[in-house]
């Protein structure tokens, strides 16, 4: 079971060959908005609380980055440090947590400041992602210190592991499109067990990993890094995090890029429906690129999935390709157009009874290496999104929407429909919002980049984010491309527009189109 909203390492690596969800004020409405920078944001319980000097005066001890169990040493000019932040922002003088940071100092003399990156998920590790992503942004590295971090509950920042490798592998046999009462029981039993594993691993942290908590961490980083304004590059879920930051700290907004924009107006059902449309649109584009009709090609894949559901395919590793893994491999390949030839080969092999290639695609998306070790980005993703999202659709509600979802996409509709009930089923802590608050009156212009072929964050959400940020704040450009995200994906128009905004402060015309 997985909610497919992430900008993964697999996606990013493919882009370089050319690269829920949620957050809102956990205090509700306007509570928790901007303070003078020396205080934690106000909560519904009372006024802002001054931050202790142990936080505001801390000095980052930048030093050599070390290899971790999940990523190699980046080497070169990369430096790492640890920032202390409150576990509970409502009690900033209480217990703290350690946040892992990474940076590369600006290479040129005309330094602007720090440019903070979040690569989405939620759950993506900035510490492991930024070193290889930076090669796609050489112009930015001349004038900015490139900085990222592992958000709370992710990677080296007290990352949550909810299951062992063996338990993860066993869970891949659970049918994520249950057809029988027994399969439904197994599906929801697995979801509940995952939540209990997260609670055991995270303890008290489980209630303090919201998008709002992370947005507040970002502003503390801004202060400690010595920047008067926040310069930020958010991708996928990182766009929602950027919107929440802008809402909380509008006067601190400097130059914010939001690429592959989430729809802040969508609740959990709306988000799932958006993705159902987005992935089917991307599948149609893929099928048409191979010379197949979208409808005929879709039905052919539906038939393959039905056969795989009944009889999982053998692979060269001895593992079986289940319907769940086949769907994962198929869906993950739609994040980047550069993956389409590999998908064509994998589907051809599967039609001939060999699931090896589709399984490899699924493993890549699931962050599973050849030894059977899994990274935990999807664990963090679920922990964060289930704390943000307070909606918990029932089984009955989900069954009512399944016909509509299946009509939108016979391939992805059943999976994403069931996911609305299964993702946060029996979660140990309550969620915080229906939809995130991103209005940012008074903020400087924020540049949004929408990709018409984006499967995971469909294009329509870009305009909705621009509208909710507010008039004169959200500025939107469009790329008529394919895959997830736009910057560094081969469009000179997109890259030059983003670079001009970040490097010269040039705000493009709202509605500019890059074809």
Protein backbone atom coordinates (compact mmCIF):
# COMPACT_ATOMS: atom_id res chain seq x y z
CA UNK A 1 0.00 0.00 0.00
CA UNK A 2 1.46 3.38 -0.95
CA UNK A 3 0.20 6.85 -1.69
CA UNK A 4 1.86 7.90 -4.92
CA UNK A 5 2.67 11.58 -4.49
CA UNK A 6 6.40 11.49 -4.13
CA UNK A 7 9.19 12.93 -6.24
CA UNK A 8 11.47 9.97 -5.82
CA UNK A 9 15.13 9.32 -6.35
CA UNK A 10 14.08 7.15 -9.28
CA UNK A 11 12.21 10.09 -10.80
CA UNK A 12 15.02 12.52 -10.17
CA UNK A 13 17.69 10.27 -11.61
CA UNK A 14 15.66 9.83 -14.76
CA UNK A 15 15.29 13.60 -15.06
CA UNK A 16 19.02 14.09 -14.80
CA UNK A 17 19.42 11.90 -17.87
CA UNK A 18 17.82 14.64 -19.98
CA UNK A 19 15.49 14.53 -12.28
CA UNK A 20 -0.61 13.17 1.95
CA UNK A 21 -0.21 14.88 1.56
CA UNK A 22 -0.55 17.79 3.62
CA UNK A 23 0.14 20.59 5.88
CA UNK A 24 -1.91 23.36 7.33
CA UNK A 25 -1.79 25.20 10.53
CA UNK A 26 -2.14 22.58 13.22
CA UNK A 27 -3.73 25.27 15.36
CA UNK A 28 -6.52 25.92 12.89
CA UNK A 29 -7.26 29.00 10.81
CA UNK A 30 -5.03 31.99 11.47
CA UNK A 31 -3.50 30.73 14.70
CA UNK A 32 0.21 30.21 14.41
CA UNK A 33 1.06 32.90 11.87
CA UNK A 34 4.14 35.05 11.62
CA UNK A 35 5.96 36.51 14.59
CA UNK A 36 9.03 38.70 14.84
CA UNK A 37 11.37 35.73 14.33
CA UNK A 38 12.46 35.54 17.96
CA UNK A 39 9.32 33.73 19.03
CA UNK A 40 7.53 30.54 18.18
CA UNK A 41 4.26 31.20 16.31
CA UNK A 42 1.19 31.76 18.43
CA UNK A 43 -1.10 28.84 19.06
CA UNK A 44 -4.78 28.65 19.87
CA UNK A 45 -3.75 28.37 23.52
CA UNK A 46 -2.30 31.86 23.67
CA UNK A 47 0.21 34.38 22.34
CA UNK A 48 3.56 33.66 20.78
CA UNK A 49 6.19 32.21 23.07
CA UNK A 50 9.72 33.66 22.85
CA UNK A 51 12.24 31.14 21.59
CA UNK A 52 14.97 30.32 24.10
CA UNK A 53 18.45 31.60 23.33
CA UNK A 54 19.64 27.98 23.17
CA UNK A 55 17.76 27.83 19.85
CA UNK A 56 18.17 31.33 18.46
CA UNK A 57 21.90 31.61 19.21
CA UNK A 58 22.99 28.13 18.18
CA UNK A 59 25.93 27.93 15.81
CA UNK A 60 26.00 25.24 13.16
CA UNK A 61 29.17 23.16 13.30
CA UNK A 62 29.60 22.48 9.60
CA UNK A 63 31.91 19.59 8.87
CA UNK A 64 32.57 16.67 6.56
CA UNK A 65 29.50 14.65 5.62
CA UNK A 66 29.70 10.98 6.54
CA UNK A 67 28.24 7.99 4.80
CA UNK A 68 25.09 6.53 6.33
CA UNK A 69 23.51 3.11 6.13
CA UNK A 70 21.31 4.41 3.30
CA UNK A 71 23.57 6.80 1.35
CA UNK A 72 27.27 7.14 0.49
CA UNK A 73 29.51 9.99 1.58
CA UNK A 74 28.88 12.87 -0.90
CA UNK A 75 32.46 14.12 -0.79
CA UNK A 76 33.55 17.26 -2.60
CA UNK A 77 32.52 20.58 -1.12
CA UNK A 78 29.53 19.21 0.78
CA UNK A 79 29.28 20.00 4.48
CA UNK A 80 26.86 18.67 7.09
CA UNK A 81 25.61 20.00 10.42
CA UNK A 82 22.89 19.43 12.99
CA UNK A 83 20.23 21.98 13.97
CA UNK A 84 18.24 21.71 17.18
CA UNK A 85 14.51 22.44 16.96
CA UNK A 86 11.67 22.10 19.48
CA UNK A 87 9.98 18.73 19.51
CA UNK A 88 6.72 20.60 20.20
CA UNK A 89 6.54 24.11 18.78
CA UNK A 90 3.88 24.98 21.35
CA UNK A 91 6.58 24.41 24.02
CA UNK A 92 9.77 25.77 22.43
CA UNK A 93 11.72 25.67 25.68
CA UNK A 94 10.99 21.96 26.12
CA UNK A 95 12.50 18.85 24.57
CA UNK A 96 14.39 19.27 21.28
CA UNK A 97 15.07 17.11 18.26
CA UNK A 98 18.08 17.09 15.94
CA UNK A 99 17.63 17.97 12.26
CA UNK A 100 20.33 16.93 9.77
CA UNK A 101 21.40 19.64 7.28
CA UNK A 102 23.66 19.64 4.24
CA UNK A 103 25.09 22.50 2.19
CA UNK A 104 27.46 23.47 -0.57
CA UNK A 105 28.70 27.06 -0.32
CA UNK A 106 28.20 29.45 -3.23
CA UNK A 107 30.97 29.13 -5.79
CA UNK A 108 30.97 32.75 -6.97
CA UNK A 109 31.64 36.10 -5.32
CA UNK A 110 28.17 37.63 -5.80
CA UNK A 111 26.39 35.52 -3.18
CA UNK A 112 22.64 36.06 -2.68
CA UNK A 113 22.14 33.85 0.37
CA UNK A 114 20.93 30.32 1.10
CA UNK A 115 18.57 28.42 -1.21
CA UNK A 116 16.69 25.76 0.74
CA UNK A 117 15.46 22.66 -1.14
CA UNK A 118 12.71 20.20 -0.28
CA UNK A 119 12.32 17.29 -2.70
CA UNK A 120 8.85 16.21 -1.71
CA UNK A 121 7.36 12.95 -0.56
CA UNK A 122 6.69 13.85 2.12
CA UNK A 123 9.58 11.76 3.33
CA UNK A 124 12.36 12.50 0.83
CA UNK A 125 15.82 12.95 2.35
CA UNK A 126 17.34 16.25 1.37
CA UNK A 127 20.72 15.20 2.80
CA UNK A 128 21.03 12.30 0.36
CA UNK A 129 19.22 13.92 -2.60
CA UNK A 130 20.78 17.38 -2.87
CA UNK A 131 24.38 16.35 -3.73
CA UNK A 132 23.40 14.64 -6.97
CA UNK A 133 20.49 16.96 -7.77
CA UNK A 134 22.81 19.98 -7.61
CA UNK A 135 24.50 18.96 -10.85
CA UNK A 136 21.31 19.96 -12.67
CA UNK A 137 21.46 23.50 -11.25
CA UNK A 138 25.01 24.81 -11.83
CA UNK A 139 23.89 28.42 -12.27
CA UNK A 140 22.20 28.43 -8.87
CA UNK A 141 25.25 27.01 -7.09
CA UNK A 142 27.34 30.01 -8.14
CA UNK A 143 25.24 32.54 -6.23
CA UNK A 144 23.52 30.53 -3.52
CA UNK A 145 24.62 28.27 -0.75
CA UNK A 146 22.59 25.19 -1.73
CA UNK A 147 21.03 23.82 1.45
CA UNK A 148 18.71 20.96 2.26
CA UNK A 149 17.77 18.85 5.24
CA UNK A 150 16.03 15.72 6.39
CA UNK A 151 12.69 16.95 7.77
CA UNK A 152 11.63 15.71 11.20
CA UNK A 153 10.79 12.01 11.07
CA UNK A 154 12.87 11.52 7.90
CA UNK A 155 16.27 9.88 7.41
CA UNK A 156 18.92 11.28 9.74
CA UNK A 157 16.40 13.54 11.51
CA UNK A 158 15.01 10.84 13.78
CA UNK A 159 13.65 8.97 10.78
CA UNK A 160 10.76 6.64 11.48
CA UNK A 161 10.99 2.95 10.48
CA UNK A 162 7.63 1.27 10.89
CA UNK A 163 8.56 -2.19 9.58
CA UNK A 164 11.54 -4.45 9.11
CA UNK A 165 12.72 -5.33 5.61
CA UNK A 166 11.12 -8.75 5.89
CA UNK A 167 7.80 -7.26 7.03
CA UNK A 168 7.85 -4.83 4.12
CA UNK A 169 8.47 -7.63 1.64
CA UNK A 170 5.68 -9.72 3.15
CA UNK A 171 3.27 -6.78 2.91
CA UNK A 172 3.82 -6.61 -0.85
CA UNK A 173 1.68 -9.72 -1.17
CA UNK A 174 -1.33 -7.84 0.24
CA UNK A 175 -3.84 -7.06 -2.52
CA UNK A 176 -4.29 -3.26 -2.71
CA UNK A 177 -7.42 -3.70 -4.86
CA UNK A 178 -9.29 -6.26 -2.72
CA UNK A 179 -11.95 -8.28 -4.52
CA UNK A 180 -13.21 -10.53 -1.71
CA UNK A 181 -14.12 -10.10 1.98
CA UNK A 182 -10.97 -12.02 2.93
CA UNK A 183 -8.79 -9.68 0.86
CA UNK A 184 -10.52 -6.64 2.40
CA UNK A 185 -9.83 -7.98 5.89
CA UNK A 186 -6.17 -8.56 5.05
CA UNK A 187 -5.88 -5.09 3.47
CA UNK A 188 -7.15 -3.22 6.52
CA UNK A 189 -5.35 -5.51 8.98
CA UNK A 190 -2.11 -4.66 7.21
CA UNK A 191 -2.90 -0.92 7.35
CA UNK A 192 -3.59 -1.05 11.09
CA UNK A 193 -0.42 -3.04 11.72
CA UNK A 194 1.63 -0.46 9.87
CA UNK A 195 0.28 2.33 12.07
CA UNK A 196 1.08 0.40 15.21
CA UNK A 197 4.63 -0.16 13.97
CA UNK A 198 5.02 3.57 13.36
CA UNK A 199 3.76 4.37 16.85
CA UNK A 200 6.23 1.95 18.38
CA UNK A 201 9.12 3.41 16.39
CA UNK A 202 8.31 7.12 16.69
CA UNK A 203 6.83 7.39 20.18
CA UNK A 204 6.00 11.00 21.07
CA UNK A 205 7.48 12.23 17.78
CA UNK A 206 4.49 10.76 15.92
CA UNK A 207 2.36 13.76 16.96
CA UNK A 208 4.99 16.33 15.96
CA UNK A 209 5.91 15.65 12.32
CA UNK A 210 3.26 17.75 10.63
CA UNK A 211 3.90 19.99 7.65
CA UNK A 212 3.30 22.99 9.88
CA UNK A 213 5.96 21.77 12.32
CA UNK A 214 8.40 21.47 9.42
CA UNK A 215 7.50 24.93 8.07
CA UNK A 216 8.37 26.35 11.48
CA UNK A 217 11.63 24.41 11.44
CA UNK A 218 12.38 26.07 8.11
CA UNK A 219 12.05 29.54 9.56
CA UNK A 220 14.38 28.63 12.41
CA UNK A 221 16.86 27.43 9.76
CA UNK A 222 16.50 30.73 7.93
CA UNK A 223 17.43 32.63 11.07
CA UNK A 224 20.37 30.41 11.99
CA UNK A 225 21.69 30.47 8.41
CA UNK A 226 21.72 34.26 8.63
CA UNK A 227 19.15 35.02 5.92
CA UNK A 228 16.68 37.88 6.31
CA UNK A 229 14.38 36.28 3.69
CA UNK A 230 13.58 32.69 2.84
CA UNK A 231 14.74 31.59 -0.62
CA UNK A 232 13.27 28.17 -1.33
CA UNK A 233 12.86 25.52 -4.04
CA UNK A 234 10.06 23.06 -3.35
CA UNK A 235 9.20 20.10 -5.57
CA UNK A 236 5.98 18.04 -5.44
CA UNK A 237 4.91 17.85 -1.77
CA UNK A 238 7.59 20.48 -1.22
CA UNK A 239 5.26 22.94 -2.96
CA UNK A 240 2.64 22.40 -0.29
CA UNK A 241 5.28 22.85 2.39
CA UNK A 242 6.31 26.09 0.67
CA UNK A 243 2.71 27.28 0.59
CA UNK A 244 2.25 26.55 4.28
CA UNK A 245 5.51 28.40 5.05
CA UNK A 246 4.30 31.42 3.05
CA UNK A 247 1.02 31.41 4.98
CA UNK A 248 2.77 31.32 8.34
CA UNK A 249 5.58 33.73 7.46
CA UNK A 250 4.46 35.91 4.53
CA UNK A 251 6.82 38.78 5.32
CA UNK A 252 9.80 36.41 5.32
CA UNK A 253 9.14 35.21 1.78
CA UNK A 254 12.02 35.97 -0.56
CA UNK A 255 12.22 34.00 -3.81
CA UNK A 256 10.13 30.82 -3.66
CA UNK A 257 9.90 28.32 -6.51
CA UNK A 258 7.11 25.72 -6.40
CA UNK A 259 7.59 23.03 -9.09
CA UNK A 260 5.11 20.14 -9.62
CA UNK A 261 2.45 21.86 -7.57
CA UNK A 262 -0.01 20.10 -5.29
CA UNK A 263 -3.65 21.19 -5.17
CA UNK A 264 -4.28 22.83 -1.78
CA UNK A 265 -8.04 22.84 -2.33
CA UNK A 266 -8.27 19.02 -2.57
CA UNK A 267 -9.22 16.89 0.43
CA UNK A 268 -8.11 13.26 0.62
CA UNK A 269 -10.80 12.09 -1.82
CA UNK A 270 -10.14 15.01 -4.17
CA UNK A 271 -6.42 14.38 -4.06
CA UNK A 272 -6.94 10.71 -4.97
CA UNK A 273 -9.28 11.65 -7.81
CA UNK A 274 -6.78 14.22 -9.12
CA UNK A 275 -4.07 11.59 -9.19
CA UNK A 276 -6.35 9.05 -10.83
CA UNK A 277 -6.91 11.51 -13.66
CA UNK A 278 -3.24 12.50 -13.78
CA UNK A 279 -1.84 8.99 -14.00
CA UNK A 280 -4.42 7.89 -16.57
CA UNK A 281 -3.58 10.99 -18.64
CA UNK A 282 0.12 10.11 -18.46
CA UNK A 283 -0.67 6.47 -19.35
CA UNK A 284 -2.69 7.61 -22.35
CA UNK A 285 0.20 9.77 -23.53
CA UNK A 286 2.60 6.87 -23.09
CA UNK A 287 0.36 4.44 -24.98
CA UNK A 288 -0.14 6.88 -27.84
CA UNK A 289 3.64 7.38 -28.05
CA UNK A 290 3.96 3.64 -28.76
CA UNK A 291 1.40 3.75 -31.55
CA UNK A 292 -1.40 2.17 -29.53
CA UNK A 293 -4.79 3.70 -28.98
CA UNK A 294 -5.22 4.87 -25.39
CA UNK A 295 -8.44 2.90 -24.87
CA UNK A 296 -7.19 -0.34 -26.42
CA UNK A 297 -3.83 -0.08 -24.65
CA UNK A 298 -5.52 0.56 -21.32
CA UNK A 299 -7.74 -2.51 -21.67
CA UNK A 300 -4.72 -4.62 -22.56
CA UNK A 301 -3.01 -3.52 -19.32
CA UNK A 302 -6.20 -4.16 -17.33
CA UNK A 303 -6.18 -7.71 -18.69
CA UNK A 304 -2.53 -8.18 -17.71
CA UNK A 305 -3.25 -6.94 -14.18
CA UNK A 306 -6.23 -9.31 -13.81
CA UNK A 307 -4.10 -12.26 -14.85
CA UNK A 308 -1.34 -11.20 -12.48
CA UNK A 309 -3.83 -10.85 -9.65
CA UNK A 310 -4.99 -14.42 -10.19
CA UNK A 311 -1.54 -15.87 -10.91
CA UNK A 312 1.51 -13.75 -9.93
CA UNK A 313 4.29 -13.90 -12.50
CA UNK A 314 7.63 -15.60 -11.90
CA UNK A 315 10.83 -13.54 -11.95
CA UNK A 316 14.53 -14.33 -12.24
CA UNK A 317 15.02 -13.59 -8.53
CA UNK A 318 12.54 -16.22 -7.41
CA UNK A 319 10.15 -13.55 -6.07
CA UNK A 320 6.69 -13.26 -7.57
CA UNK A 321 5.33 -10.22 -9.39
CA UNK A 322 1.96 -9.60 -7.76
CA UNK A 323 -0.70 -7.24 -9.07
CA UNK A 324 0.36 -4.77 -6.37
CA UNK A 325 3.99 -4.79 -7.57
CA UNK A 326 2.95 -4.66 -11.23
CA UNK A 327 0.85 -1.56 -10.56
CA UNK A 328 3.75 0.01 -8.65
CA UNK A 329 6.22 -0.62 -11.47
CA UNK A 330 3.78 0.70 -14.07
CA UNK A 331 2.88 3.80 -12.12
CA UNK A 332 6.47 4.63 -11.14
CA UNK A 333 7.52 4.55 -14.79
CA UNK A 334 5.08 7.33 -15.64
CA UNK A 335 6.96 9.86 -13.49
CA UNK A 336 9.47 10.47 -16.30
CA UNK A 337 9.20 10.21 -20.07
CA UNK A 338 12.75 8.82 -20.13
CA UNK A 339 11.40 5.68 -18.40
CA UNK A 340 8.89 4.90 -21.15
CA UNK A 341 11.18 2.65 -23.26
CA UNK A 342 11.98 0.59 -20.15
CA UNK A 343 8.26 0.31 -19.40
CA UNK A 344 7.60 -0.90 -22.95
CA UNK A 345 10.14 -3.67 -22.54
CA UNK A 346 8.80 -4.61 -19.10
CA UNK A 347 5.20 -4.84 -20.32
CA UNK A 348 6.21 -6.94 -23.31
CA UNK A 349 8.07 -9.36 -21.04
CA UNK A 350 5.14 -9.53 -18.62
CA UNK A 351 2.75 -10.35 -21.46
CA UNK A 352 5.08 -13.27 -22.22
CA UNK A 353 4.92 -14.44 -18.60
CA UNK A 354 8.13 -12.92 -17.17
CA UNK A 355 7.67 -10.35 -14.39
CA UNK A 356 11.39 -9.63 -13.85
CA UNK A 357 11.52 -6.20 -15.47
CA UNK A 358 8.30 -4.88 -13.92
CA UNK A 359 9.50 -6.11 -10.54
CA UNK A 360 12.76 -4.18 -11.00
CA UNK A 361 10.76 -1.04 -11.74
CA UNK A 362 8.64 -1.60 -8.62
CA UNK A 363 11.73 -2.17 -6.48
CA UNK A 364 13.22 1.07 -7.76
CA UNK A 365 10.10 2.97 -6.78
CA UNK A 366 9.91 1.23 -3.41
CA UNK A 367 13.58 2.01 -2.65
CA UNK A 368 14.53 -1.67 -2.39
CA UNK A 369 18.12 -2.61 -3.16
CA UNK A 370 19.44 -5.93 -4.48
CA UNK A 371 20.10 -7.23 -0.96
CA UNK A 372 16.46 -6.79 0.03
CA UNK A 373 17.01 -3.65 2.14
CA UNK A 374 14.36 -0.93 1.90
CA UNK A 375 14.75 2.76 2.61
CA UNK A 376 12.08 4.31 4.78
CA UNK A 377 10.90 7.32 2.79
CA UNK A 378 7.45 5.79 2.37
CA UNK A 379 7.23 5.23 6.13
CA UNK A 380 7.93 8.91 6.76
CA UNK A 381 5.51 9.85 3.99
CA UNK A 382 2.66 8.07 5.69
CA UNK A 383 3.55 9.29 9.18
CA UNK A 384 3.55 12.92 8.01
CA UNK A 385 0.50 12.80 5.77
CA UNK A 386 -1.66 10.94 8.31
CA UNK A 387 -0.84 13.55 10.95
CA UNK A 388 -1.74 16.34 8.53
CA UNK A 389 -4.94 14.87 7.10
CA UNK A 390 -7.78 14.47 9.56
CA UNK A 391 -10.12 12.76 7.11
CA UNK A 392 -10.60 9.04 7.64
CA UNK A 393 -13.01 7.75 4.95
CA UNK A 394 -14.91 4.62 5.89
CA UNK A 395 -15.04 1.41 3.89
CA UNK A 396 -18.61 2.21 2.89
CA UNK A 397 -17.65 5.68 1.66
CA UNK A 398 -14.77 4.23 -0.32
CA UNK A 399 -16.95 1.60 -2.00
CA UNK A 400 -19.33 4.34 -3.15
CA UNK A 401 -16.58 6.24 -4.95
CA UNK A 402 -14.91 3.19 -6.54
CA UNK A 403 -17.17 3.09 -9.66
CA UNK A 404 -16.37 6.75 -10.39
CA UNK A 405 -12.66 6.22 -9.92
CA UNK A 406 -12.69 3.09 -12.08
CA UNK A 407 -14.47 5.00 -14.85
CA UNK A 408 -11.77 7.69 -14.76
CA UNK A 409 -9.02 5.07 -14.86
CA UNK A 410 -9.65 1.32 -15.11
CA UNK A 411 -5.95 0.82 -14.30
CA UNK A 412 -5.31 3.18 -11.39
CA UNK A 413 -8.82 4.02 -10.14
CA UNK A 414 -9.38 0.93 -7.95
CA UNK A 415 -5.96 1.24 -6.27
CA UNK A 416 -6.25 4.97 -5.54
CA UNK A 417 -9.89 4.60 -4.51
CA UNK A 418 -9.15 1.92 -1.91
CA UNK A 419 -6.21 3.99 -0.75
CA UNK A 420 -8.52 6.73 0.55
CA UNK A 421 -9.69 4.36 3.30
CA UNK A 422 -6.58 2.26 3.73
CA UNK A 423 -3.81 4.84 3.93
CA UNK A 424 -4.60 6.18 7.42
CA UNK A 425 -6.85 3.38 8.62
CA UNK A 426 -6.89 3.06 12.42
CA UNK A 427 -4.06 5.60 12.69
CA UNK A 428 -2.74 6.09 16.25
CA UNK A 429 -2.96 9.92 16.25
CA UNK A 430 -5.63 12.26 14.94
CA UNK A 431 -5.09 14.32 11.81
CA UNK A 432 -5.12 18.10 11.81
CA UNK A 433 -6.79 19.58 8.72
CA UNK A 434 -9.21 19.08 5.83
CA UNK A 435 -7.15 21.08 3.35
CA UNK A 436 -3.98 23.08 4.00
CA UNK A 437 -4.06 26.84 4.49
CA UNK A 438 -1.71 28.57 2.06
CA UNK A 439 -3.09 32.09 1.71
CA UNK A 440 -0.17 34.52 1.99
CA UNK A 441 -1.36 38.12 1.71
CA UNK A 442 1.55 40.53 1.69
CA UNK A 443 4.11 37.95 0.54
CA UNK A 444 6.48 38.64 -2.33
CA UNK A 445 5.60 36.99 -5.68
CA UNK A 446 5.99 33.20 -5.60
CA UNK A 447 6.74 31.41 -8.88
CA UNK A 448 4.74 28.23 -9.64
CA UNK A 449 5.68 25.85 -12.46
CA UNK A 450 2.98 23.52 -13.78
CA UNK A 451 3.57 20.63 -16.20
CA UNK A 452 0.58 19.64 -18.35
CA UNK A 453 1.75 16.01 -18.43
CA UNK A 454 2.49 15.63 -14.73
CA UNK A 455 0.87 12.42 -13.41
CA UNK A 456 1.44 12.78 -9.66
CA UNK A 457 0.64 16.48 -9.22
CA UNK A 458 -1.77 17.14 -12.08
CA UNK A 459 -1.45 20.48 -13.84
CA UNK A 460 -4.83 21.84 -12.71
CA UNK A 461 -3.58 22.11 -9.12
CA UNK A 462 -1.04 24.76 -10.13
CA UNK A 463 -3.67 27.39 -10.83
CA UNK A 464 -5.56 26.47 -7.68
CA UNK A 465 -2.41 26.98 -5.61
CA UNK A 466 -1.77 30.32 -7.32
CA UNK A 467 -5.32 31.43 -6.57
CA UNK A 468 -5.14 30.38 -2.91
CA UNK A 469 -1.79 32.08 -2.36
CA UNK A 470 -3.56 35.28 -3.32
CA UNK A 471 -3.68 37.97 -5.98
CA UNK A 472 -0.24 39.26 -6.82
CA UNK A 473 1.44 36.45 -4.87
CA UNK A 474 1.02 33.30 -6.95
CA UNK A 475 2.61 33.69 -10.42
CA UNK A 476 2.17 30.69 -12.72
CA UNK A 477 4.07 29.44 -15.74
CA UNK A 478 3.15 26.36 -17.78
CA UNK A 479 5.34 23.76 -19.45
CA UNK A 480 3.71 21.51 -22.03
CA UNK A 481 5.83 18.53 -21.08
CA UNK A 482 5.69 15.01 -19.67
CA UNK A 483 6.63 13.51 -16.34
CA UNK A 484 6.79 14.80 -12.80
CA UNK A 485 8.23 18.32 -12.29
CA UNK A 486 9.66 20.68 -14.89
CA UNK A 487 12.93 22.35 -13.92
CA UNK A 488 16.00 20.59 -15.29
CA UNK A 489 13.87 18.39 -17.55
CA UNK A 490 15.05 19.75 -20.89
CA UNK A 491 13.03 22.96 -21.34
CA UNK A 492 15.32 25.97 -21.85
CA UNK A 493 12.26 28.19 -21.43
CA UNK A 494 11.43 26.78 -17.98
CA UNK A 495 15.03 26.73 -16.79
CA UNK A 496 15.83 30.26 -17.94
CA UNK A 497 12.62 31.64 -16.42
CA UNK A 498 13.30 29.98 -13.07
CA UNK A 499 16.94 31.04 -13.09
CA UNK A 500 16.05 34.66 -13.92
CA UNK A 501 13.62 34.71 -11.00
CA UNK A 502 16.04 33.18 -8.52
CA UNK A 503 19.18 34.99 -9.69
CA UNK A 504 17.89 38.40 -10.81
CA UNK A 505 14.52 38.55 -9.08
CA UNK A 506 12.76 38.80 -12.47
CA UNK A 507 9.09 37.86 -12.08
CA UNK A 508 7.62 36.53 -15.36
CA UNK A 509 4.19 37.33 -16.71
CA UNK A 510 1.53 35.28 -14.95
CA UNK A 511 0.31 32.68 -17.44
CA UNK A 512 3.53 32.38 -19.46
CA UNK A 513 3.59 29.14 -21.49
CA UNK A 514 6.72 27.14 -22.36
CA UNK A 515 6.05 24.71 -25.20
